[in-house]
């Protein structure tokens, strides 16, 4: 029996057993440090804000929120960094545990600023999860008071000669009325005497934009207006103001005298004419001292003009002629021929602009049958409106 071989075999068996134990221990340690079932890197890392975007009331500029996170089971520490737009230094830069505090990490944000939150490895400083961008905004709180408060945003009168066009806007759908008077309303928008209202109109349907004409107004006159808006809850808001219509100007031209019969058998008449428009001072064409010689069947052009500023709605255009046989020392007003003309024009109340209030019209003044002369006087009157 070879005892040396037995001893050698026993030694080899013991060596193999020791190495096996070491391998098992190494595998067990590896399993503890690096579990075979562990998910991919960073899969369990999270970072979030309690509110994002952060809505901040108008009464303040700041608001407090909180940050929470989670790490991999084998990560014992991480670095939390938060930076604010426009500020180089971080507002938070600290080492954190895998589990945040019960209420999270507090962060105060300011309206108008943007914040970037990051989680990084404490050794490599590499991001553990995508950064979180936190934005801020205003909390828009709107309380609809309707016409309980000022709901009329615009009252714009566009003045004309005998009427005005109003543009009225509201921030609330409302029914509206518009009234105008030469007298001023009370402070509450009511009239002491409702009969003083000169012109009025109202909406057919509730609206937020209304174009309304006021017809039958006098030119060159200051009017006071009252706009009333009523919302669906019967709340009323009133706006008052004033406007002034344009001034009516009338230019009258006595352009020609057509002599039909000069009343003189052997010669032309030595005539004189006098013209007047409205309440202006009369103007002469010829006189007792310097008469005009006008033959039958001819036409002359005196081109006598008048300008009536602030003209009323109606005016009288007058003329009178006389020859040298009947010259009075002073022309008799009873012998004047008058032509009344209306110089105010507009369309119906709902559309006064459908008729042009600025126009030019012709006129003819015939001689009275009782006179010695037989003639026609022709001319024009032009109506315009100026501020």
Protein backbone atom coordinates (compact mmCIF):
# COMPACT_ATOMS: atom_id res chain seq x y z
CA UNK A 1 0.00 0.00 0.00
CA UNK A 2 1.34 3.37 -1.00
CA UNK A 3 0.60 5.80 1.79
CA UNK A 4 2.08 8.72 -0.06
CA UNK A 5 -0.53 8.47 -2.81
CA UNK A 6 -3.36 8.42 -0.28
CA UNK A 7 -2.10 11.49 1.39
CA UNK A 8 -1.79 13.29 -1.95
CA UNK A 9 -5.34 12.40 -2.93
CA UNK A 10 -6.72 13.69 0.34
CA UNK A 11 -4.89 16.96 -0.04
CA UNK A 12 -6.20 17.52 -3.55
CA UNK A 13 -9.77 16.80 -2.40
CA UNK A 14 -9.48 19.34 0.42
CA UNK A 15 -8.10 21.97 -1.98
CA UNK A 16 -10.95 21.57 -4.36
CA UNK A 17 -13.46 21.96 -1.54
CA UNK A 18 -11.90 25.20 -0.34
CA UNK A 19 -11.97 26.68 -3.82
CA UNK A 20 -15.63 25.69 -4.19
CA UNK A 21 -16.53 27.49 -0.99
CA UNK A 22 -14.75 30.61 -2.17
CA UNK A 23 -16.61 30.55 -5.50
CA UNK A 24 -19.98 30.13 -3.77
CA UNK A 25 -19.20 33.00 -1.40
CA UNK A 26 -18.19 35.23 -4.34
CA UNK A 27 -21.36 34.41 -6.23
CA UNK A 28 -23.49 35.15 -3.18
CA UNK A 29 -21.77 38.49 -2.66
CA UNK A 30 -22.27 39.38 -6.31
CA UNK A 31 -25.93 38.48 -6.04
CA UNK A 32 -26.29 40.79 -3.10
CA UNK A 33 -24.50 43.68 -4.77
CA UNK A 34 -25.82 43.16 -8.30
CA UNK A 35 -29.17 41.34 -8.30
CA UNK A 36 -29.80 39.37 -11.49
CA UNK A 37 -33.38 40.71 -11.59
CA UNK A 38 -32.40 44.44 -11.25
CA UNK A 39 -34.04 46.74 -13.89
CA UNK A 40 -32.09 48.85 -16.36
CA UNK A 41 -30.12 51.82 -14.95
CA UNK A 42 -32.20 54.89 -13.89
CA UNK A 43 -35.50 53.08 -14.56
CA UNK A 44 -36.75 53.73 -11.01
CA UNK A 45 -35.39 57.28 -10.66
CA UNK A 46 -38.07 60.00 -10.67
CA UNK A 47 -38.22 63.76 -10.03
CA UNK A 48 -41.39 65.83 -9.97
CA UNK A 49 -42.95 69.11 -8.73
CA UNK A 50 -46.17 69.32 -6.75
CA UNK A 51 -47.48 71.86 -9.32
CA UNK A 52 -46.29 72.59 -12.84
CA UNK A 53 -47.04 75.07 -14.28
CA UNK A 54 -47.39 77.04 -11.06
CA UNK A 55 -50.41 79.40 -11.12
CA UNK A 56 -49.81 82.46 -8.93
CA UNK A 57 -52.74 84.73 -7.90
CA UNK A 58 -52.69 88.41 -8.92
CA UNK A 59 -52.53 89.38 -5.24
CA UNK A 60 -48.93 88.09 -4.87
CA UNK A 61 -45.79 87.42 -6.89
CA UNK A 62 -44.59 84.20 -5.20
CA UNK A 63 -45.90 80.77 -4.30
CA UNK A 64 -44.51 77.74 -2.45
CA UNK A 65 -44.39 74.26 -4.00
CA UNK A 66 -42.49 71.06 -3.20
CA UNK A 67 -40.20 68.64 -5.03
CA UNK A 68 -40.25 64.86 -4.60
CA UNK A 69 -38.05 62.10 -6.02
CA UNK A 70 -37.11 58.44 -5.87
CA UNK A 71 -33.76 56.67 -6.42
CA UNK A 72 -32.66 53.17 -7.32
CA UNK A 73 -32.62 50.79 -4.30
CA UNK A 74 -28.82 50.59 -4.42
CA UNK A 75 -28.39 54.42 -4.59
CA UNK A 76 -27.86 55.83 -1.12
CA UNK A 77 -27.36 59.53 -2.04
CA UNK A 78 -27.92 62.01 -4.89
CA UNK A 79 -27.42 65.71 -5.56
CA UNK A 80 -30.55 67.92 -6.00
CA UNK A 81 -29.97 71.19 -7.87
CA UNK A 82 -32.54 73.87 -8.77
CA UNK A 83 -31.65 76.95 -10.84
CA UNK A 84 -33.77 80.05 -11.53
CA UNK A 85 -33.84 81.85 -14.89
CA UNK A 86 -31.71 84.97 -14.83
CA UNK A 87 -29.92 83.89 -11.62
CA UNK A 88 -26.47 82.25 -11.98
CA UNK A 89 -26.29 80.66 -8.52
CA UNK A 90 -28.58 77.71 -7.75
CA UNK A 91 -31.49 78.33 -5.40
CA UNK A 92 -31.14 74.73 -4.17
CA UNK A 93 -27.90 72.68 -4.25
CA UNK A 94 -27.82 69.86 -1.70
CA UNK A 95 -27.21 66.15 -1.16
CA UNK A 96 -30.44 64.22 -0.63
CA UNK A 97 -31.42 60.74 0.56
CA UNK A 98 -33.34 58.22 -1.60
CA UNK A 99 -36.59 59.23 0.10
CA UNK A 100 -37.59 62.95 0.34
CA UNK A 101 -39.00 64.52 3.52
CA UNK A 102 -42.71 63.82 4.23
CA UNK A 103 -43.79 67.13 2.66
CA UNK A 104 -41.15 67.10 -0.04
CA UNK A 105 -38.34 69.59 -0.59
CA UNK A 106 -39.83 73.14 -0.35
CA UNK A 107 -39.28 75.56 -3.25
CA UNK A 108 -40.55 79.15 -3.52
CA UNK A 109 -41.12 80.27 -7.11
CA UNK A 110 -41.62 83.82 -8.43
CA UNK A 111 -44.05 84.87 -11.19
CA UNK A 112 -42.29 85.37 -14.50
CA UNK A 113 -39.40 83.05 -13.64
CA UNK A 114 -38.57 79.57 -14.95
CA UNK A 115 -36.89 76.88 -12.79
CA UNK A 116 -34.83 73.80 -13.73
CA UNK A 117 -34.59 70.92 -11.22
CA UNK A 118 -31.98 68.14 -11.62
CA UNK A 119 -30.93 64.93 -9.79
CA UNK A 120 -27.27 63.90 -10.27
CA UNK A 121 -24.95 61.15 -9.11
CA UNK A 122 -22.91 62.38 -6.13
CA UNK A 123 -19.66 60.92 -7.54
CA UNK A 124 -19.90 61.25 -11.32
CA UNK A 125 -22.23 64.27 -11.31
CA UNK A 126 -24.08 62.67 -14.22
CA UNK A 127 -27.87 63.18 -14.45
CA UNK A 128 -29.90 60.35 -12.99
CA UNK A 129 -33.14 61.46 -14.70
CA UNK A 130 -34.21 64.07 -17.24
CA UNK A 131 -34.32 67.65 -15.83
CA UNK A 132 -37.71 69.08 -14.82
CA UNK A 133 -38.57 72.59 -16.13
CA UNK A 134 -41.02 74.44 -13.86
CA UNK A 135 -42.91 77.44 -15.34
CA UNK A 136 -45.07 80.10 -13.69
CA UNK A 137 -48.29 81.78 -14.80
CA UNK A 138 -51.04 83.99 -13.43
CA UNK A 139 -54.22 82.59 -11.98
CA UNK A 140 -56.91 84.27 -14.09
CA UNK A 141 -59.92 84.75 -11.87
CA UNK A 142 -62.86 86.39 -13.66
CA UNK A 143 -66.03 87.32 -11.87
CA UNK A 144 -68.79 88.31 -14.27
CA UNK A 145 -70.55 91.28 -12.69
CA UNK A 146 -72.46 92.10 -15.86
CA UNK A 147 -73.83 95.64 -15.98
CA UNK A 148 -73.79 95.88 -12.20
CA UNK A 149 -70.44 97.59 -12.84
CA UNK A 150 -69.27 99.58 -15.87
CA UNK A 151 -70.11 97.37 -18.86
CA UNK A 152 -70.08 100.18 -21.47
CA UNK A 153 -66.58 100.36 -22.95
CA UNK A 154 -67.11 102.86 -25.77
CA UNK A 155 -69.51 105.65 -26.72
CA UNK A 156 -68.34 107.39 -29.91
CA UNK A 157 -70.63 109.98 -31.55
CA UNK A 158 -69.96 110.89 -35.20
CA UNK A 159 -71.57 114.30 -35.65
CA UNK A 160 -73.28 115.42 -38.85
CA UNK A 161 -75.44 118.45 -39.63
CA UNK A 162 -78.95 117.30 -38.77
CA UNK A 163 -78.15 113.91 -37.23
CA UNK A 164 -75.43 111.90 -35.48
CA UNK A 165 -74.18 108.33 -35.73
CA UNK A 166 -73.21 106.58 -32.47
CA UNK A 167 -70.93 103.55 -32.05
CA UNK A 168 -71.47 101.89 -28.66
CA UNK A 169 -69.57 98.84 -27.37
CA UNK A 170 -70.00 96.82 -24.16
CA UNK A 171 -68.11 93.96 -22.53
CA UNK A 172 -71.43 92.28 -21.73
CA UNK A 173 -74.26 91.30 -24.07
CA UNK A 174 -76.92 93.89 -23.30
CA UNK A 175 -80.01 95.69 -24.53
CA UNK A 176 -79.36 99.41 -24.98
CA UNK A 177 -81.22 102.69 -25.35
CA UNK A 178 -79.88 106.03 -26.58
CA UNK A 179 -81.50 109.41 -25.92
CA UNK A 180 -80.47 112.99 -26.67
CA UNK A 181 -81.72 116.35 -25.48
CA UNK A 182 -80.71 120.00 -25.54
CA UNK A 183 -81.08 119.98 -21.74
CA UNK A 184 -78.59 118.23 -19.44
CA UNK A 185 -79.77 115.09 -17.59
CA UNK A 186 -79.54 114.63 -13.85
CA UNK A 187 -76.48 113.00 -12.29
CA UNK A 188 -78.23 109.59 -12.39
CA UNK A 189 -78.85 109.89 -16.13
CA UNK A 190 -82.57 110.65 -15.81
CA UNK A 191 -84.31 113.64 -17.38
CA UNK A 192 -86.14 116.14 -15.20
CA UNK A 193 -88.69 116.42 -17.98
CA UNK A 194 -88.85 113.37 -20.31
CA UNK A 195 -90.55 115.58 -22.90
CA UNK A 196 -87.20 117.35 -23.38
CA UNK A 197 -85.81 114.28 -25.19
CA UNK A 198 -85.29 115.36 -28.80
CA UNK A 199 -84.31 112.05 -30.36
CA UNK A 200 -84.06 108.44 -29.19
CA UNK A 201 -83.49 104.88 -30.40
CA UNK A 202 -82.99 101.39 -28.94
CA UNK A 203 -81.51 97.99 -29.82
CA UNK A 204 -83.80 95.34 -31.24
CA UNK A 205 -81.68 92.44 -29.90
CA UNK A 206 -79.05 92.32 -27.11
CA UNK A 207 -75.55 92.92 -28.45
CA UNK A 208 -72.03 94.01 -27.53
CA UNK A 209 -71.55 96.33 -30.52
CA UNK A 210 -74.25 98.75 -31.61
CA UNK A 211 -74.30 101.37 -34.35
CA UNK A 212 -77.19 103.75 -33.74
CA UNK A 213 -78.28 106.90 -35.63
CA UNK A 214 -80.03 109.84 -33.95
CA UNK A 215 -82.12 111.75 -36.49
CA UNK A 216 -83.99 115.08 -36.58
CA UNK A 217 -81.37 117.18 -34.81
CA UNK A 218 -80.68 120.90 -35.25
CA UNK A 219 -77.38 121.97 -36.76
CA UNK A 220 -74.72 123.79 -34.72
CA UNK A 221 -76.36 122.64 -31.49
CA UNK A 222 -74.98 120.99 -28.35
CA UNK A 223 -76.88 117.87 -27.28
CA UNK A 224 -76.57 115.79 -24.13
CA UNK A 225 -76.91 112.02 -24.50
CA UNK A 226 -77.74 109.14 -22.16
CA UNK A 227 -76.85 105.52 -22.98
CA UNK A 228 -78.43 102.78 -20.86
CA UNK A 229 -77.28 99.14 -21.00
CA UNK A 230 -79.32 96.30 -19.44
CA UNK A 231 -77.83 92.81 -19.10
CA UNK A 232 -79.69 89.49 -18.87
CA UNK A 233 -79.96 89.85 -15.08
CA UNK A 234 -81.66 93.25 -15.38
CA UNK A 235 -78.59 95.12 -14.11
CA UNK A 236 -78.30 98.62 -15.60
CA UNK A 237 -75.31 100.80 -16.35
CA UNK A 238 -75.64 104.40 -17.58
CA UNK A 239 -73.19 106.59 -19.50
CA UNK A 240 -73.76 110.30 -20.20
CA UNK A 241 -71.97 112.84 -22.36
CA UNK A 242 -72.46 115.52 -24.97
CA UNK A 243 -71.80 116.25 -28.62
CA UNK A 244 -72.31 119.14 -31.03
CA UNK A 245 -73.75 118.90 -34.54
CA UNK A 246 -72.02 120.56 -37.48
CA UNK A 247 -72.82 124.09 -38.67
CA UNK A 248 -74.94 124.45 -41.80
CA UNK A 249 -73.55 126.78 -44.45
CA UNK A 250 -75.59 127.90 -47.46
CA UNK A 251 -74.02 129.66 -50.46
CA UNK A 252 -76.61 131.38 -52.70
CA UNK A 253 -75.73 132.65 -56.16
CA UNK A 254 -78.06 134.84 -58.28
CA UNK A 255 -76.53 133.78 -61.58
CA UNK A 256 -78.67 135.28 -64.34
CA UNK A 257 -81.54 137.58 -65.21
CA UNK A 258 -83.57 136.54 -68.25
CA UNK A 259 -85.37 139.66 -69.51
CA UNK A 260 -88.60 138.60 -71.23
CA UNK A 261 -90.09 142.09 -71.63
CA UNK A 262 -88.24 145.25 -70.61
CA UNK A 263 -91.51 147.29 -70.72
CA UNK A 264 -89.94 149.97 -72.96
CA UNK A 265 -91.23 150.08 -76.57
CA UNK A 266 -88.56 152.26 -78.13
CA UNK A 267 -85.43 151.37 -76.11
CA UNK A 268 -83.97 148.99 -73.60
CA UNK A 269 -85.01 149.40 -70.00
CA UNK A 270 -82.77 151.11 -67.52
CA UNK A 271 -83.27 148.65 -64.70
CA UNK A 272 -82.18 147.99 -61.14
CA UNK A 273 -82.44 144.76 -59.20
CA UNK A 274 -82.08 143.89 -55.55
CA UNK A 275 -81.39 140.42 -54.12
CA UNK A 276 -81.33 138.89 -50.66
CA UNK A 277 -80.95 135.41 -49.11
CA UNK A 278 -82.11 134.58 -45.60
CA UNK A 279 -81.63 137.48 -43.22
CA UNK A 280 -78.56 138.85 -44.98
CA UNK A 281 -78.29 142.47 -46.06
CA UNK A 282 -79.73 143.02 -49.61
CA UNK A 283 -77.32 143.46 -52.51
CA UNK A 284 -77.98 145.61 -55.60
CA UNK A 285 -77.44 145.07 -59.30
CA UNK A 286 -77.91 148.54 -60.83
CA UNK A 287 -79.46 151.52 -59.08
CA UNK A 288 -81.41 154.74 -59.69
CA UNK A 289 -78.11 156.56 -60.24
CA UNK A 290 -76.44 153.77 -62.24
CA UNK A 291 -79.13 151.63 -63.91
CA UNK A 292 -78.45 148.52 -66.00
CA UNK A 293 -79.55 148.56 -69.68
CA UNK A 294 -81.23 145.25 -70.43
CA UNK A 295 -83.14 144.52 -73.67
CA UNK A 296 -86.04 142.14 -74.08
CA UNK A 297 -85.01 138.59 -75.01
CA UNK A 298 -81.54 138.92 -73.50
CA UNK A 299 -79.89 137.40 -70.45
CA UNK A 300 -77.40 139.09 -68.15
CA UNK A 301 -75.30 137.59 -65.37
CA UNK A 302 -75.18 139.59 -62.15
CA UNK A 303 -73.49 136.73 -60.21
CA UNK A 304 -74.47 138.20 -56.89
CA UNK A 305 -73.58 135.82 -54.04
CA UNK A 306 -74.50 135.37 -50.38
CA UNK A 307 -73.01 133.08 -47.72
CA UNK A 308 -75.26 132.22 -44.81
CA UNK A 309 -73.32 130.73 -41.91
CA UNK A 310 -75.33 128.83 -39.30
CA UNK A 311 -78.32 128.73 -41.61
CA UNK A 312 -81.69 127.57 -40.27
CA UNK A 313 -83.51 124.60 -41.77
CA UNK A 314 -85.47 126.89 -44.15
CA UNK A 315 -84.52 130.18 -45.80
CA UNK A 316 -86.17 132.70 -48.13
CA UNK A 317 -84.55 133.70 -51.42
CA UNK A 318 -85.91 137.08 -52.66
CA UNK A 319 -85.51 139.38 -55.65
CA UNK A 320 -87.16 142.51 -57.03
CA UNK A 321 -86.61 144.48 -60.20
CA UNK A 322 -87.71 147.93 -61.41
CA UNK A 323 -87.15 150.07 -64.51
CA UNK A 324 -86.44 153.80 -64.75
CA UNK A 325 -90.13 154.60 -65.16
CA UNK A 326 -91.04 153.24 -61.76
CA UNK A 327 -87.88 153.66 -59.66
CA UNK A 328 -88.90 154.28 -56.08
CA UNK A 329 -86.59 156.08 -53.73
CA UNK A 330 -86.68 152.91 -51.64
CA UNK A 331 -87.70 149.53 -53.02
CA UNK A 332 -91.00 148.35 -51.60
CA UNK A 333 -90.61 145.00 -49.76
CA UNK A 334 -94.17 144.12 -50.69
CA UNK A 335 -93.07 143.92 -54.32
CA UNK A 336 -90.31 141.35 -53.64
CA UNK A 337 -90.78 137.87 -55.05
CA UNK A 338 -89.93 135.22 -52.44
CA UNK A 339 -88.95 131.58 -52.93
CA UNK A 340 -88.87 129.57 -49.70
CA UNK A 341 -86.39 126.66 -49.79
CA UNK A 342 -85.62 123.87 -47.36
CA UNK A 343 -81.88 123.43 -46.81
CA UNK A 344 -82.14 120.52 -44.36
CA UNK A 345 -82.28 117.02 -45.83
CA UNK A 346 -81.91 113.51 -44.41
CA UNK A 347 -83.36 110.05 -44.78
CA UNK A 348 -85.81 108.29 -42.42
CA UNK A 349 -84.97 108.05 -38.68
CA UNK A 350 -83.49 104.56 -39.03
CA UNK A 351 -81.22 105.62 -41.93
CA UNK A 352 -80.74 109.40 -42.06
CA UNK A 353 -77.60 108.91 -44.15
CA UNK A 354 -79.62 107.44 -47.02
CA UNK A 355 -80.13 111.03 -48.27
CA UNK A 356 -77.14 113.34 -48.79
CA UNK A 357 -77.54 116.34 -46.52
CA UNK A 358 -74.93 118.24 -48.53
CA UNK A 359 -76.27 119.19 -51.96
CA UNK A 360 -76.64 121.89 -54.61
CA UNK A 361 -80.08 122.92 -55.94
CA UNK A 362 -81.23 125.43 -58.54
CA UNK A 363 -84.03 127.98 -58.18
CA UNK A 364 -86.07 130.33 -60.39
CA UNK A 365 -87.75 133.54 -59.26
CA UNK A 366 -90.43 134.72 -61.71
CA UNK A 367 -91.62 138.35 -61.87
CA UNK A 368 -95.03 139.07 -60.36
CA UNK A 369 -97.88 139.52 -62.80
CA UNK A 370 -98.56 143.00 -61.44
CA UNK A 371 -95.12 144.35 -62.30
CA UNK A 372 -94.11 146.36 -65.36
CA UNK A 373 -91.16 144.07 -66.11
CA UNK A 374 -91.40 140.47 -67.21
CA UNK A 375 -88.28 138.44 -66.25
CA UNK A 376 -86.95 135.28 -64.62
CA UNK A 377 -84.07 135.23 -62.14
CA UNK A 378 -82.17 131.97 -61.85
CA UNK A 379 -79.49 130.76 -59.50
CA UNK A 380 -78.33 128.02 -57.14
CA UNK A 381 -78.02 127.37 -53.44
CA UNK A 382 -75.36 125.02 -52.11
CA UNK A 383 -75.65 123.40 -48.67
CA UNK A 384 -72.52 122.22 -46.82
CA UNK A 385 -71.68 121.47 -43.18
CA UNK A 386 -68.58 122.61 -41.35
CA UNK A 387 -67.32 122.13 -37.77
